[in-house]
Amino acid sequence: MSVSKLPIIGISMGDPSGIGPEICAKALALKNLYAIGRPIVVGDAAIVKDAVRFCGLGLAVASRSEVAEAAFEHGTIDVYDLKNLPLEQLRHKQVTAEQGRASFEYVAKVIELALAGKIDATVTGPINKAAINAGGFHYAGHTEIYADLTQTRDYSMMLAEGDFRVAHVSTHVSLRMACERVKKKRVLTVIHLAHEALQQLGIASPRIAVAGLNPHCGEGGLFGDEDEQEIAPAVAAARAEGINAEGPLPADTVFSKMRGGMFDLVVVMYHDQGHIPTKLIGFQYDDKTGTWGQMAGVNVTLGLPIIRVSVDHGTAFGKAGEGRANPQSMIEAIKLAARLALGRIKDR
């Protein structure tokens, strides 16, 4: 495929005080990423340039005011430069309203560019929820920002680490509220979103498992009736539509079955039910060195009119500005965004 036909990937650089600018720079130091897409960072060029400096990458940084100005050449990082935060105001490792406001505006701009058709997919660097709220933007996280700014009602979070994938019925709510949100309509909606996403990834006939909510899927009502009353009917409805869905299945074994190749994705009922197994596989911590040897996995928002893929970790303030952040999740996010974008381009 010629370079001019590769998808344009807009990357919001995340909170300036975290590791977002650094992992953007380190990822775009890899030549192979320019063979699958045309990346452009949305943020502050001066801050990206500073990240290049303290990481010792030897890359150029070009400030752009329009996507059309970008050269998309390895060796130079194109930055759609919002000039929101002067470098002298940068405070690594700190939550500030100014940095929170800037990080929100990077996200809003990358969404705007995607909705306008100027980029083909978006990738998001990590933001700090306290910072964006201090900056005057009251959202629980990226997913809620995207849903609001794209006016999307039905959406879901999908985490992926290679072929290990989960899609969530609920995410950033209390456990008590999460149980209350396990309803047939919502479970069926997430099955639909997951099925569509897997087909975009090139899986013609996705195999979807649906996890139960209660221990042993309620054990015939002994431990709760949500599995029988809400989840099972949703699975039956999906199967009636021709979707290869199975469940509810006990959550203590279903992930092992997926990892063994039985399923392409598990629909999970709440945040930790999906996050814990995915991060157990993707994250590797070494207590002897006090470092994360691996921080793999990505976060995809399903149901949006645009593509959004994100790193599956936070701002890591503890190591921000030191040049030792692991860019693995950002690299994987860019690769998956390009893959999803190519899938959509082919369908046009």
Protein backbone atom coordinates (compact mmCIF):
# COMPACT_ATOMS: atom_id res chain seq x y z
CA MET A 1 0.00 0.00 0.00
CA SER A 2 1.34 3.44 -0.91
CA VAL A 3 2.12 5.84 1.93
CA SER A 4 -0.60 8.24 0.78
CA LYS A 5 -3.23 5.53 1.34
CA LEU A 6 -2.12 4.54 4.83
CA PRO A 7 -4.55 5.60 7.58
CA ILE A 8 -3.80 8.82 9.43
CA ILE A 9 -3.60 8.12 13.17
CA GLY A 10 -4.15 11.07 15.53
CA ILE A 11 -2.53 10.55 18.94
CA SER A 12 -3.56 12.77 21.86
CA MET A 13 -0.43 12.98 24.01
CA GLY A 14 -2.15 12.71 27.40
CA ASP A 15 -1.44 14.71 30.55
CA PRO A 16 1.74 16.74 29.94
CA SER A 17 2.95 16.00 33.47
CA GLY A 18 2.75 12.22 33.03
CA ILE A 19 4.48 9.75 30.74
CA GLY A 20 2.21 10.41 27.74
CA PRO A 21 4.59 12.69 25.79
CA GLU A 22 7.48 10.29 26.47
CA ILE A 23 5.72 7.14 25.27
CA CYS A 24 4.47 9.00 22.17
CA ALA A 25 8.04 9.98 21.33
CA LYS A 26 9.46 6.52 22.02
CA ALA A 27 6.77 4.81 19.95
CA LEU A 28 7.27 7.13 16.99
CA ALA A 29 11.00 6.47 17.09
CA LEU A 30 10.12 3.07 15.56
CA LYS A 31 10.31 3.07 11.80
CA ASN A 32 7.91 0.15 11.38
CA LEU A 33 4.98 2.20 12.68
CA TYR A 34 5.30 4.45 9.63
CA ALA A 35 4.84 1.39 7.42
CA ILE A 36 1.32 0.78 8.74
CA GLY A 37 0.01 4.31 9.28
CA ARG A 38 0.63 8.04 9.21
CA PRO A 39 0.88 9.20 12.85
CA ILE A 40 0.45 12.75 14.09
CA VAL A 41 0.53 13.74 17.77
CA VAL A 42 -2.09 16.21 19.01
CA GLY A 43 -0.68 18.26 21.87
CA ASP A 44 2.14 20.72 22.50
CA ALA A 45 5.16 20.49 20.22
CA ALA A 46 7.47 22.06 22.81
CA ILE A 47 6.57 19.38 25.37
CA VAL A 48 7.05 16.56 22.86
CA LYS A 49 10.42 18.07 21.92
CA ASP A 50 11.38 18.13 25.59
CA ALA A 51 10.44 14.44 25.90
CA VAL A 52 12.62 13.66 22.89
CA ARG A 53 15.47 15.49 24.65
CA PHE A 54 15.36 13.75 28.02
CA CYS A 55 14.85 10.36 26.33
CA GLY A 56 17.89 10.96 24.09
CA LEU A 57 16.02 9.91 20.96
CA GLY A 58 17.64 12.20 18.38
CA LEU A 59 14.35 12.91 16.58
CA ALA A 60 13.12 16.17 15.10
CA VAL A 61 9.74 17.61 16.13
CA ALA A 62 7.67 19.63 13.65
CA SER A 63 4.90 21.99 14.78
CA ARG A 64 1.84 21.77 12.50
CA SER A 65 -1.31 23.86 12.49
CA GLU A 66 -3.17 21.53 10.12
CA VAL A 67 -3.08 17.79 9.51
CA ALA A 68 -2.46 18.47 5.82
CA GLU A 69 0.89 20.07 6.71
CA ALA A 70 2.30 16.85 8.19
CA ALA A 71 5.09 15.07 6.31
CA PHE A 72 4.60 11.69 8.04
CA GLU A 73 8.26 10.78 7.68
CA HIS A 74 10.17 8.66 10.17
CA GLY A 75 12.73 10.76 12.02
CA THR A 76 10.41 13.74 12.46
CA ILE A 77 7.45 13.68 14.83
CA ASP A 78 4.55 15.71 13.42
CA VAL A 79 2.64 17.52 16.17
CA TYR A 80 -0.71 19.22 15.65
CA ASP A 81 0.38 22.00 17.94
CA LEU A 82 -2.30 23.47 20.19
CA LYS A 83 0.28 25.50 22.13
CA ASN A 84 -1.80 25.08 25.28
CA LEU A 85 0.92 24.81 27.89
CA PRO A 86 4.20 26.76 27.72
CA LEU A 87 7.16 24.54 28.57
CA GLU A 88 8.05 26.72 31.56
CA GLN A 89 4.65 25.84 33.09
CA LEU A 90 5.22 22.10 32.80
CA ARG A 91 5.26 20.37 36.19
CA HIS A 92 6.11 16.69 35.90
CA LYS A 93 4.49 14.37 38.47
CA GLN A 94 1.97 17.02 39.60
CA VAL A 95 -1.78 17.43 39.26
CA THR A 96 -2.56 20.97 38.10
CA ALA A 97 -5.66 22.55 36.61
CA GLU A 98 -3.63 23.97 33.70
CA GLN A 99 -2.26 20.58 32.73
CA GLY A 100 -5.66 18.95 33.18
CA ARG A 101 -7.28 21.55 30.95
CA ALA A 102 -4.61 21.07 28.29
CA SER A 103 -4.95 17.27 28.31
CA PHE A 104 -8.73 17.53 27.90
CA GLU A 105 -8.31 19.91 24.97
CA TYR A 106 -5.91 17.50 23.23
CA VAL A 107 -8.60 14.80 23.45
CA ALA A 108 -11.36 17.15 22.26
CA LYS A 109 -9.26 18.20 19.26
CA VAL A 110 -8.39 14.65 18.19
CA ILE A 111 -12.11 13.77 18.36
CA GLU A 112 -12.96 16.87 16.32
CA LEU A 113 -10.40 15.93 13.66
CA ALA A 114 -11.75 12.38 13.43
CA LEU A 115 -15.37 13.51 13.17
CA ALA A 116 -14.34 15.91 10.39
CA GLY A 117 -12.68 13.06 8.50
CA LYS A 118 -9.21 14.62 8.70
CA ILE A 119 -7.79 11.57 10.50
CA ASP A 120 -8.84 7.93 10.25
CA ALA A 121 -8.38 6.79 13.84
CA THR A 122 -7.54 8.17 17.26
CA VAL A 123 -5.16 6.90 19.94
CA THR A 124 -5.16 8.39 23.43
CA GLY A 125 -2.29 8.81 25.83
CA PRO A 126 -3.05 8.60 29.58
CA ILE A 127 -4.86 11.44 31.34
CA ASN A 128 -5.33 12.14 35.03
CA LYS A 129 -8.97 12.25 36.11
CA ALA A 130 -8.29 14.57 39.04
CA ALA A 131 -6.45 16.98 36.76
CA ILE A 132 -9.16 17.22 34.10
CA ASN A 133 -11.77 17.75 36.79
CA ALA A 134 -9.60 20.46 38.37
CA GLY A 135 -9.43 22.01 34.91
CA GLY A 136 -13.22 22.28 34.81
CA PHE A 137 -14.13 19.18 32.80
CA HIS A 138 -16.15 16.75 34.85
CA TYR A 139 -15.76 13.31 33.33
CA ALA A 140 -14.87 9.92 34.78
CA GLY A 141 -12.39 9.28 31.98
CA HIS A 142 -11.68 9.06 28.26
CA THR A 143 -14.59 6.75 27.49
CA GLU A 144 -17.13 9.21 28.87
CA ILE A 145 -15.48 12.14 27.05
CA TYR A 146 -15.67 10.31 23.73
CA ALA A 147 -19.29 9.26 24.29
CA ASP A 148 -20.30 12.83 25.12
CA LEU A 149 -18.44 14.61 22.32
CA THR A 150 -19.55 12.08 19.69
CA GLN A 151 -23.11 11.96 21.10
CA THR A 152 -22.92 8.18 21.46
CA ARG A 153 -25.42 6.45 23.72
CA ASP A 154 -24.53 2.75 23.40
CA TYR A 155 -20.85 2.08 23.90
CA SER A 156 -18.57 -0.31 25.73
CA MET A 157 -14.94 -0.63 26.79
CA MET A 158 -12.94 -3.46 25.25
CA LEU A 159 -9.54 -4.43 26.63
CA ALA A 160 -7.21 -6.47 24.47
CA GLU A 161 -3.85 -8.13 25.03
CA GLY A 162 -3.21 -10.01 21.81
CA ASP A 163 -6.04 -12.51 21.35
CA PHE A 164 -7.19 -12.07 24.95
CA ARG A 165 -10.16 -9.67 24.79
CA VAL A 166 -12.91 -8.54 27.15
CA ALA A 167 -15.85 -6.16 26.64
CA HIS A 168 -17.58 -4.56 29.62
CA VAL A 169 -21.25 -4.21 30.51
CA SER A 170 -20.25 -1.50 33.02
CA THR A 171 -16.98 0.15 34.04
CA HIS A 172 -16.52 3.20 36.24
CA VAL A 173 -19.35 2.73 38.72
CA SER A 174 -19.60 1.24 42.21
CA LEU A 175 -19.85 -2.52 42.48
CA ARG A 176 -23.38 -2.16 43.85
CA MET A 177 -24.40 -0.07 40.83
CA ALA A 178 -22.60 -2.45 38.47
CA CYS A 179 -24.84 -5.29 39.67
CA GLU A 180 -27.90 -3.15 39.06
CA ARG A 181 -26.77 -2.49 35.47
CA VAL A 182 -26.75 -6.16 34.52
CA LYS A 183 -29.90 -6.09 32.40
CA LYS A 184 -30.84 -8.12 29.32
CA LYS A 185 -30.91 -5.09 27.01
CA ARG A 186 -27.47 -3.85 28.06
CA VAL A 187 -25.86 -7.30 27.92
CA LEU A 188 -27.26 -7.85 24.42
CA THR A 189 -26.01 -4.43 23.33
CA VAL A 190 -22.47 -5.27 24.43
CA ILE A 191 -22.63 -8.63 22.64
CA HIS A 192 -23.60 -6.77 19.46
CA LEU A 193 -20.78 -4.23 19.86
CA ALA A 194 -18.23 -6.97 20.53
CA HIS A 195 -19.39 -9.02 17.55
CA GLU A 196 -19.05 -6.02 15.23
CA ALA A 197 -15.60 -5.11 16.57
CA LEU A 198 -14.29 -8.65 16.12
CA GLN A 199 -15.52 -8.71 12.53
CA GLN A 200 -13.67 -5.41 11.91
CA LEU A 201 -10.55 -7.17 13.17
CA GLY A 202 -11.01 -9.78 10.45
CA ILE A 203 -12.70 -12.54 12.47
CA ALA A 204 -15.53 -13.62 10.20
CA SER A 205 -17.44 -15.72 12.74
CA PRO A 206 -16.56 -14.47 16.24
CA ARG A 207 -16.95 -16.81 19.22
CA ILE A 208 -18.19 -14.80 22.18
CA ALA A 209 -18.38 -16.01 25.77
CA VAL A 210 -20.57 -14.18 28.28
CA ALA A 211 -19.41 -14.31 31.89
CA GLY A 212 -21.85 -14.80 34.73
CA LEU A 213 -22.26 -12.17 37.43
CA ASN A 214 -22.61 -14.36 40.52
CA PRO A 215 -20.43 -17.24 41.80
CA HIS A 216 -21.17 -20.35 39.71
CA CYS A 217 -23.61 -18.21 37.68
CA GLY A 218 -25.97 -18.09 40.65
CA GLU A 219 -26.15 -21.86 41.23
CA GLY A 220 -29.80 -22.05 40.20
CA GLY A 221 -30.76 -18.94 42.13
CA LEU A 222 -28.98 -19.78 45.38
CA PHE A 223 -26.47 -16.96 44.92
CA GLY A 224 -28.57 -14.48 42.94
CA ASP A 225 -30.93 -14.64 39.98
CA GLU A 226 -29.34 -12.10 37.57
CA ASP A 227 -27.67 -14.87 35.56
CA GLU A 228 -30.96 -16.65 34.88
CA GLN A 229 -33.20 -13.58 34.61
CA GLU A 230 -30.98 -11.15 32.64
CA ILE A 231 -27.83 -12.70 31.17
CA ALA A 232 -29.19 -16.00 29.84
CA PRO A 233 -32.05 -14.31 27.92
CA ALA A 234 -29.57 -11.87 26.35
CA VAL A 235 -27.39 -14.74 25.17
CA ALA A 236 -30.44 -16.57 23.80
CA ALA A 237 -31.50 -13.46 21.89
CA ALA A 238 -28.00 -13.08 20.39
CA ARG A 239 -27.96 -16.72 19.32
CA ALA A 240 -31.38 -16.28 17.69
CA GLU A 241 -29.80 -13.55 15.57
CA GLY A 242 -27.06 -15.90 14.41
CA ILE A 243 -24.32 -14.67 16.77
CA ASN A 244 -22.12 -17.42 18.17
CA ALA A 245 -22.50 -16.50 21.85
CA GLU A 246 -22.35 -18.81 24.85
CA GLY A 247 -23.23 -18.18 28.48
CA PRO A 248 -23.56 -17.28 31.17
CA LEU A 249 -20.33 -19.08 31.99
CA PRO A 250 -18.61 -19.08 35.40
CA ALA A 251 -16.09 -16.25 35.54
CA ASP A 252 -13.53 -18.37 37.38
CA THR A 253 -12.93 -20.58 34.31
CA VAL A 254 -14.10 -18.65 31.24
CA PHE A 255 -10.89 -16.63 30.86
CA SER A 256 -8.76 -19.76 30.87
CA LYS A 257 -10.97 -21.16 28.12
CA MET A 258 -10.48 -18.02 26.02
CA ARG A 259 -6.74 -18.10 26.58
CA GLY A 260 -6.78 -21.72 25.41
CA GLY A 261 -8.45 -20.71 22.14
CA MET A 262 -12.09 -21.56 22.77
CA PHE A 263 -13.36 -17.96 22.49
CA ASP A 264 -12.36 -14.70 20.77
CA LEU A 265 -13.75 -12.44 23.50
CA VAL A 266 -15.49 -12.55 26.87
CA VAL A 267 -18.31 -10.14 27.70
CA VAL A 268 -17.77 -9.24 31.35
CA MET A 269 -20.27 -7.72 33.76
CA TYR A 270 -18.15 -5.10 35.56
CA HIS A 271 -14.80 -3.30 35.65
CA ASP A 272 -12.61 -5.59 37.74
CA GLN A 273 -14.05 -8.79 36.30
CA GLY A 274 -12.42 -7.85 33.00
CA HIS A 275 -9.49 -5.69 34.06
CA ILE A 276 -7.90 -8.10 36.53
CA PRO A 277 -7.38 -11.07 34.18
CA THR A 278 -6.31 -8.83 31.28
CA LYS A 279 -3.72 -6.97 33.34
CA LEU A 280 -2.55 -10.17 34.98
CA ILE A 281 -1.52 -11.28 31.50
CA GLY A 282 -0.34 -7.94 30.13
CA PHE A 283 1.43 -6.40 33.13
CA GLN A 284 4.58 -7.84 34.72
CA TYR A 285 6.00 -6.27 37.89
CA ASP A 286 9.43 -7.13 39.31
CA ASP A 287 9.61 -6.40 43.03
CA LYS A 288 13.38 -6.91 43.08
CA THR A 289 13.95 -3.98 40.74
CA GLY A 290 10.76 -2.07 41.58
CA THR A 291 9.95 -1.79 37.87
CA TRP A 292 7.32 -2.92 35.40
CA GLY A 293 9.02 -5.20 32.90
CA GLN A 294 5.94 -5.24 30.71
CA MET A 295 2.90 -2.98 30.37
CA ALA A 296 1.04 -4.48 27.44
CA GLY A 297 -2.59 -4.34 26.38
CA VAL A 298 -4.85 -1.70 24.89
CA ASN A 299 -8.26 -0.19 25.52
CA VAL A 300 -10.80 0.23 22.70
CA THR A 301 -14.11 2.09 22.94
CA LEU A 302 -16.75 0.17 21.01
CA GLY A 303 -19.84 1.72 19.47
CA LEU A 304 -18.37 5.11 18.53
CA PRO A 305 -18.67 6.66 15.06
CA ILE A 306 -14.87 7.03 15.13
CA ILE A 307 -12.05 4.67 16.11
CA ARG A 308 -10.56 5.14 19.58
CA VAL A 309 -7.77 2.99 20.98
CA SER A 310 -5.88 3.82 24.17
CA VAL A 311 -2.99 2.66 26.26
CA ASP A 312 -4.13 0.45 29.12
CA HIS A 313 -2.29 2.26 31.92
CA GLY A 314 -2.25 5.59 33.71
CA THR A 315 -0.02 8.64 33.78
CA ALA A 316 2.64 6.95 35.97
CA PHE A 317 3.60 10.20 37.70
CA GLY A 318 6.25 8.35 39.69
CA LYS A 319 8.49 8.01 36.64
CA ALA A 320 7.33 10.98 34.52
CA GLY A 321 10.08 13.12 33.03
CA GLU A 322 12.80 10.57 33.75
CA GLY A 323 13.00 8.82 30.38
CA ARG A 324 12.29 5.31 31.71
CA ALA A 325 8.63 4.79 30.76
CA ASN A 326 7.73 1.67 28.79
CA PRO A 327 6.05 2.54 25.43
CA GLN A 328 4.80 -1.00 24.71
CA SER A 329 1.10 -0.29 25.24
CA MET A 330 1.29 2.85 23.07
CA ILE A 331 2.98 0.89 20.29
CA GLU A 332 0.26 -1.77 20.45
CA ALA A 333 -2.47 0.89 20.50
CA ILE A 334 -1.13 2.54 17.34
CA LYS A 335 -0.88 -0.83 15.58
CA LEU A 336 -4.44 -1.81 16.51
CA ALA A 337 -5.81 1.61 15.53
CA ALA A 338 -4.19 1.26 12.12
CA ARG A 339 -5.63 -2.22 11.73
CA LEU A 340 -9.14 -1.08 12.64
CA ALA A 341 -8.84 1.93 10.34
CA LEU A 342 -7.79 -0.22 7.40
CA GLY A 343 -10.79 -2.44 8.10
CA ARG A 344 -13.13 0.54 7.88
CA ILE A 345 -11.41 1.97 4.79
CA LYS A 346 -11.85 -1.35 2.96
CA ASP A 347 -15.56 -1.36 3.83
CA ARG A 348 -16.16 2.05 2.25
